Amino acid sequence: MEAFARNLRTRRERKGLSTAHLATSLQMSEEQYHELENGHTDPSVDTLRRLSELLNTTVPELITDRPVQQIVQDVPLGHFSPETLSEMDKDTYIKILENQLRALLAEKKGA
């Protein structure tokens, strides 16, 4: 998720926030935050949601280099499917789904 790491750093810097501030806001260590911002760790779905709130953006704007409108602009209404996504967009959405599944499996094992 190279686009995510790049977007995260850019949006954090634009808002004038420190890595320490975001790490604290996300209830993680600064080292864990740096792993996200350097692209060494994929964010969980919850982390993506919280980051989008903290940075006043949306999850799709955080994870891709292209606006959502551009991704789906050529897709007729009601005909959206995985086949309509570019390879880059497919990779991004697959990573999000993998993170969601990991969270659900961990939740199920803990229950």
C-alpha atoms as a PDB file:
ATOM      1  CA  MET A   1       0.000   0.000   0.000  1.00  0.00           C
ATOM      2  CA  GLU A   2       2.579   2.492  -1.176  1.00  0.00           C
ATOM      3  CA  ALA A   3      -0.089   5.084  -1.936  1.00  0.00           C
ATOM      4  CA  PHE A   4      -1.395   4.817   1.625  1.00  0.00           C
ATOM      5  CA  ALA A   5       2.016   5.489   3.203  1.00  0.00           C
ATOM      6  CA  ARG A   6       2.641   8.445   0.890  1.00  0.00           C
ATOM      7  CA  ASN A   7      -0.858   9.890   1.430  1.00  0.00           C
ATOM      8  CA  LEU A   8      -0.622   9.444   5.188  1.00  0.00           C
ATOM      9  CA  ARG A   9       2.631  11.394   5.443  1.00  0.00           C
ATOM     10  CA  THR A  10       1.440  14.133   3.078  1.00  0.00           C
ATOM     11  CA  ARG A  11      -1.872  14.637   4.873  1.00  0.00           C
ATOM     12  CA  ARG A  12      -0.226  14.584   8.312  1.00  0.00           C
ATOM     13  CA  GLU A  13       2.311  17.201   7.241  1.00  0.00           C
ATOM     14  CA  ARG A  14      -0.383  19.395   5.623  1.00  0.00           C
ATOM     15  CA  LYS A  15      -2.308  19.392   8.906  1.00  0.00           C
ATOM     16  CA  GLY A  16       0.877  20.234  10.819  1.00  0.00           C
ATOM     17  CA  LEU A  17       0.574  17.162  13.032  1.00  0.00           C
ATOM     18  CA  SER A  18       3.516  15.298  14.513  1.00  0.00           C
ATOM     19  CA  THR A  19       3.961  11.560  14.290  1.00  0.00           C
ATOM     20  CA  ALA A  20       3.838  11.485  18.095  1.00  0.00           C
ATOM     21  CA  HIS A  21       0.441  13.213  18.089  1.00  0.00           C
ATOM     22  CA  LEU A  22      -1.075  10.765  15.601  1.00  0.00           C
ATOM     23  CA  ALA A  23       0.456   7.766  17.375  1.00  0.00           C
ATOM     24  CA  THR A  24      -1.072   8.912  20.659  1.00  0.00           C
ATOM     25  CA  SER A  25      -4.427   9.601  19.002  1.00  0.00           C
ATOM     26  CA  LEU A  26      -4.378   6.090  17.524  1.00  0.00           C
ATOM     27  CA  GLN A  27      -3.311   4.561  20.856  1.00  0.00           C
ATOM     28  CA  MET A  28      -0.161   3.056  19.401  1.00  0.00           C
ATOM     29  CA  SER A  29       3.537   3.573  19.902  1.00  0.00           C
ATOM     30  CA  GLU A  30       5.358   6.064  17.739  1.00  0.00           C
ATOM     31  CA  GLU A  31       7.365   3.141  16.355  1.00  0.00           C
ATOM     32  CA  GLN A  32       4.146   1.410  15.258  1.00  0.00           C
ATOM     33  CA  TYR A  33       2.982   4.629  13.628  1.00  0.00           C
ATOM     34  CA  HIS A  34       6.287   4.975  11.755  1.00  0.00           C
ATOM     35  CA  GLU A  35       5.817   1.426  10.447  1.00  0.00           C
ATOM     36  CA  LEU A  36       2.502   2.567   8.911  1.00  0.00           C
ATOM     37  CA  GLU A  37       3.875   5.778   7.475  1.00  0.00           C
ATOM     38  CA  ASN A  38       6.910   4.028   6.020  1.00  0.00           C
ATOM     39  CA  GLY A  39       4.748   1.354   4.377  1.00  0.00           C
ATOM     40  CA  HIS A  40       6.162  -1.525   6.425  1.00  0.00           C
ATOM     41  CA  THR A  41       2.827  -2.389   8.057  1.00  0.00           C
ATOM     42  CA  ASP A  42      -0.664  -2.395   6.572  1.00  0.00           C
ATOM     43  CA  PRO A  43      -3.286  -0.557   8.610  1.00  0.00           C
ATOM     44  CA  SER A  44      -6.258  -2.322  10.117  1.00  0.00           C
ATOM     45  CA  VAL A  45      -9.714  -1.272   9.008  1.00  0.00           C
ATOM     46  CA  ASP A  46     -10.241   0.462  12.355  1.00  0.00           C
ATOM     47  CA  THR A  47      -6.947   2.349  11.997  1.00  0.00           C
ATOM     48  CA  LEU A  48      -7.930   3.485   8.505  1.00  0.00           C
ATOM     49  CA  ARG A  49     -11.259   4.730   9.809  1.00  0.00           C
ATOM     50  CA  ARG A  50      -9.663   6.579  12.720  1.00  0.00           C
ATOM     51  CA  LEU A  51      -6.974   8.116  10.502  1.00  0.00           C
ATOM     52  CA  SER A  52      -9.581   9.355   8.050  1.00  0.00           C
ATOM     53  CA  GLU A  53     -11.360  11.090  10.934  1.00  0.00           C
ATOM     54  CA  LEU A  54      -8.170  12.592  12.381  1.00  0.00           C
ATOM     55  CA  LEU A  55      -7.003  13.838   8.979  1.00  0.00           C
ATOM     56  CA  ASN A  56     -10.446  15.000   7.780  1.00  0.00           C
ATOM     57  CA  THR A  57     -10.423  12.751   4.731  1.00  0.00           C
ATOM     58  CA  THR A  58     -11.975   9.512   3.570  1.00  0.00           C
ATOM     59  CA  VAL A  59     -10.554   5.998   3.607  1.00  0.00           C
ATOM     60  CA  PRO A  60     -10.505   5.772  -0.210  1.00  0.00           C
ATOM     61  CA  GLU A  61      -8.588   9.065  -0.379  1.00  0.00           C
ATOM     62  CA  LEU A  62      -6.030   7.640   2.058  1.00  0.00           C
ATOM     63  CA  ILE A  63      -5.441   4.357   0.280  1.00  0.00           C
ATOM     64  CA  THR A  64      -5.286   5.288  -3.386  1.00  0.00           C
ATOM     65  CA  ASP A  65      -3.646   7.897  -5.556  1.00  0.00           C
ATOM     66  CA  ARG A  66      -6.825   8.424  -7.507  1.00  0.00           C
ATOM     67  CA  PRO A  67     -10.121   9.931  -6.367  1.00  0.00           C
ATOM     68  CA  VAL A  68     -12.929   7.413  -6.009  1.00  0.00           C
ATOM     69  CA  GLN A  69     -14.893   9.307  -8.657  1.00  0.00           C
ATOM     70  CA  GLN A  70     -12.068   8.729 -11.136  1.00  0.00           C
ATOM     71  CA  ILE A  71     -11.877   5.027 -10.285  1.00  0.00           C
ATOM     72  CA  VAL A  72     -15.543   4.466 -11.058  1.00  0.00           C
ATOM     73  CA  GLN A  73     -16.227   7.236 -13.598  1.00  0.00           C
ATOM     74  CA  ASP A  74     -16.311   4.911 -16.579  1.00  0.00           C
ATOM     75  CA  VAL A  75     -18.467   2.313 -14.881  1.00  0.00           C
ATOM     76  CA  PRO A  76     -22.180   2.520 -15.699  1.00  0.00           C
ATOM     77  CA  LEU A  77     -24.376   2.910 -12.636  1.00  0.00           C
ATOM     78  CA  GLY A  78     -25.236  -0.492 -11.189  1.00  0.00           C
ATOM     79  CA  HIS A  79     -22.450  -2.283 -13.081  1.00  0.00           C
ATOM     80  CA  PHE A  80     -19.570  -1.923 -10.617  1.00  0.00           C
ATOM     81  CA  SER A  81     -17.574  -5.125 -10.221  1.00  0.00           C
ATOM     82  CA  PRO A  82     -13.966  -6.099  -9.445  1.00  0.00           C
ATOM     83  CA  GLU A  83     -13.318  -6.424 -13.173  1.00  0.00           C
ATOM     84  CA  THR A  84     -13.871  -2.680 -13.569  1.00  0.00           C
ATOM     85  CA  LEU A  85     -10.937  -1.806 -11.265  1.00  0.00           C
ATOM     86  CA  SER A  86      -7.365  -1.264 -12.390  1.00  0.00           C
ATOM     87  CA  GLU A  87      -4.735  -3.688 -11.103  1.00  0.00           C
ATOM     88  CA  MET A  88      -3.463  -1.038  -8.652  1.00  0.00           C
ATOM     89  CA  ASP A  89      -6.961  -0.471  -7.277  1.00  0.00           C
ATOM     90  CA  LYS A  90      -7.574  -4.220  -7.023  1.00  0.00           C
ATOM     91  CA  ASP A  91      -4.404  -4.641  -4.960  1.00  0.00           C
ATOM     92  CA  THR A  92      -5.468  -1.841  -2.629  1.00  0.00           C
ATOM     93  CA  TYR A  93      -8.943  -3.239  -2.055  1.00  0.00           C
ATOM     94  CA  ILE A  94      -7.621  -6.777  -1.620  1.00  0.00           C
ATOM     95  CA  LYS A  95      -5.349  -5.566   1.182  1.00  0.00           C
ATOM     96  CA  ILE A  96      -8.286  -3.878   2.903  1.00  0.00           C
ATOM     97  CA  LEU A  97     -10.387  -7.038   2.636  1.00  0.00           C
ATOM     98  CA  GLU A  98      -7.502  -9.158   3.948  1.00  0.00           C
ATOM     99  CA  ASN A  99      -7.212  -6.868   6.973  1.00  0.00           C
ATOM    100  CA  GLN A 100     -10.960  -7.082   7.577  1.00  0.00           C
ATOM    101  CA  LEU A 101     -10.827 -10.884   7.420  1.00  0.00           C
ATOM    102  CA  ARG A 102      -7.865 -11.018   9.820  1.00  0.00           C
ATOM    103  CA  ALA A 103      -9.771  -8.825  12.282  1.00  0.00           C
ATOM    104  CA  LEU A 104     -12.890 -10.998  12.002  1.00  0.00           C
ATOM    105  CA  LEU A 105     -10.881 -14.205  12.475  1.00  0.00           C
ATOM    106  CA  ALA A 106      -9.077 -12.773  15.505  1.00  0.00           C
ATOM    107  CA  GLU A 107     -12.416 -11.688  16.937  1.00  0.00           C
ATOM    108  CA  LYS A 108     -13.891 -15.137  16.348  1.00  0.00           C
ATOM    109  CA  LYS A 109     -10.909 -16.880  17.981  1.00  0.00           C
ATOM    110  CA  GLY A 110     -11.217 -14.584  20.998  1.00  0.00           C
ATOM    111  CA  ALA A 111     -14.938 -15.300  21.395  1.00  0.00           C
END
